[in-house]
Amino acid sequence: MLKWSLIFLVIALIASIFGFTDIAAGAASIAKIIFFVFVVFFVVALILGVSIFKK
């Protein structure tokens, strides 16, 4: 999931360099959403790994 976030970030950067502002804004917002979903999944996995699966 982090890989997709970085891909959309690169697309946004390239689109902004070439002046495609609408595409850059859309790709940046998608990258931001995917990144925050990744962070939420990471925190949940970290909490579950520490609490539930501890032996």
C-alpha atoms as a PDB file:
ATOM      1  CA  MET A   1       0.000   0.000   0.000  1.00  0.00           C
ATOM      2  CA  LEU A   2       2.878   2.315   0.694  1.00  0.00           C
ATOM      3  CA  LYS A   3       4.178   1.481  -2.773  1.00  0.00           C
ATOM      4  CA  TRP A   4       0.953   2.767  -4.359  1.00  0.00           C
ATOM      5  CA  SER A   5       1.149   5.931  -2.306  1.00  0.00           C
ATOM      6  CA  LEU A   6       4.662   6.597  -3.582  1.00  0.00           C
ATOM      7  CA  ILE A   7       3.586   5.871  -7.167  1.00  0.00           C
ATOM      8  CA  PHE A   8       0.775   8.421  -6.975  1.00  0.00           C
ATOM      9  CA  LEU A   9       3.150  10.909  -5.362  1.00  0.00           C
ATOM     10  CA  VAL A  10       5.577  10.540  -8.257  1.00  0.00           C
ATOM     11  CA  ILE A  11       2.707  10.928 -10.747  1.00  0.00           C
ATOM     12  CA  ALA A  12       1.640  14.106  -8.948  1.00  0.00           C
ATOM     13  CA  LEU A  13       5.169  15.509  -9.024  1.00  0.00           C
ATOM     14  CA  ILE A  14       5.641  14.758 -12.714  1.00  0.00           C
ATOM     15  CA  ALA A  15       2.220  16.176 -13.588  1.00  0.00           C
ATOM     16  CA  SER A  16       2.949  19.351 -11.653  1.00  0.00           C
ATOM     17  CA  ILE A  17       6.267  19.810 -13.439  1.00  0.00           C
ATOM     18  CA  PHE A  18       4.535  19.633 -16.808  1.00  0.00           C
ATOM     19  CA  GLY A  19       1.722  21.960 -15.711  1.00  0.00           C
ATOM     20  CA  PHE A  20      -1.163  19.510 -15.412  1.00  0.00           C
ATOM     21  CA  THR A  21      -2.512  20.991 -12.207  1.00  0.00           C
ATOM     22  CA  ASP A  22      -5.801  19.061 -12.097  1.00  0.00           C
ATOM     23  CA  ILE A  23      -4.080  15.715 -12.557  1.00  0.00           C
ATOM     24  CA  ALA A  24      -1.414  16.671 -10.024  1.00  0.00           C
ATOM     25  CA  ALA A  25      -4.004  17.660  -7.433  1.00  0.00           C
ATOM     26  CA  GLY A  26      -5.979  14.473  -7.977  1.00  0.00           C
ATOM     27  CA  ALA A  27      -2.931  12.234  -7.749  1.00  0.00           C
ATOM     28  CA  ALA A  28      -1.690  14.053  -4.654  1.00  0.00           C
ATOM     29  CA  SER A  29      -5.014  13.641  -2.884  1.00  0.00           C
ATOM     30  CA  ILE A  30      -5.128   9.945  -3.765  1.00  0.00           C
ATOM     31  CA  ALA A  31      -1.561   9.527  -2.490  1.00  0.00           C
ATOM     32  CA  LYS A  32      -2.481  11.294   0.755  1.00  0.00           C
ATOM     33  CA  ILE A  33      -5.543   9.091   1.325  1.00  0.00           C
ATOM     34  CA  ILE A  34      -3.650   5.875   0.616  1.00  0.00           C
ATOM     35  CA  PHE A  35      -0.811   6.973   2.904  1.00  0.00           C
ATOM     36  CA  PHE A  36      -3.152   7.666   5.823  1.00  0.00           C
ATOM     37  CA  VAL A  37      -4.918   4.335   5.313  1.00  0.00           C
ATOM     38  CA  PHE A  38      -1.483   2.691   5.418  1.00  0.00           C
ATOM     39  CA  VAL A  39      -0.638   4.508   8.656  1.00  0.00           C
ATOM     40  CA  VAL A  40      -3.914   3.378  10.252  1.00  0.00           C
ATOM     41  CA  PHE A  41      -3.302  -0.245   9.219  1.00  0.00           C
ATOM     42  CA  PHE A  42       0.267  -0.041  10.520  1.00  0.00           C
ATOM     43  CA  VAL A  43      -0.819   1.306  13.912  1.00  0.00           C
ATOM     44  CA  VAL A  44      -3.540  -1.349  14.237  1.00  0.00           C
ATOM     45  CA  ALA A  45      -1.080  -4.103  13.333  1.00  0.00           C
ATOM     46  CA  LEU A  46       1.441  -2.692  15.795  1.00  0.00           C
ATOM     47  CA  ILE A  47      -1.114  -2.627  18.615  1.00  0.00           C
ATOM     48  CA  LEU A  48      -2.346  -6.123  17.824  1.00  0.00           C
ATOM     49  CA  GLY A  49       1.189  -7.422  17.601  1.00  0.00           C
ATOM     50  CA  VAL A  50       2.067  -6.057  21.013  1.00  0.00           C
ATOM     51  CA  SER A  51      -1.118  -6.957  22.842  1.00  0.00           C
ATOM     52  CA  ILE A  52      -2.909  -9.960  21.328  1.00  0.00           C
ATOM     53  CA  PHE A  53      -0.161 -12.026  19.780  1.00  0.00           C
ATOM     54  CA  LYS A  54       2.270 -11.683  22.658  1.00  0.00           C
ATOM     55  CA  LYS A  55       3.122 -15.025  24.266  1.00  0.00           C
END
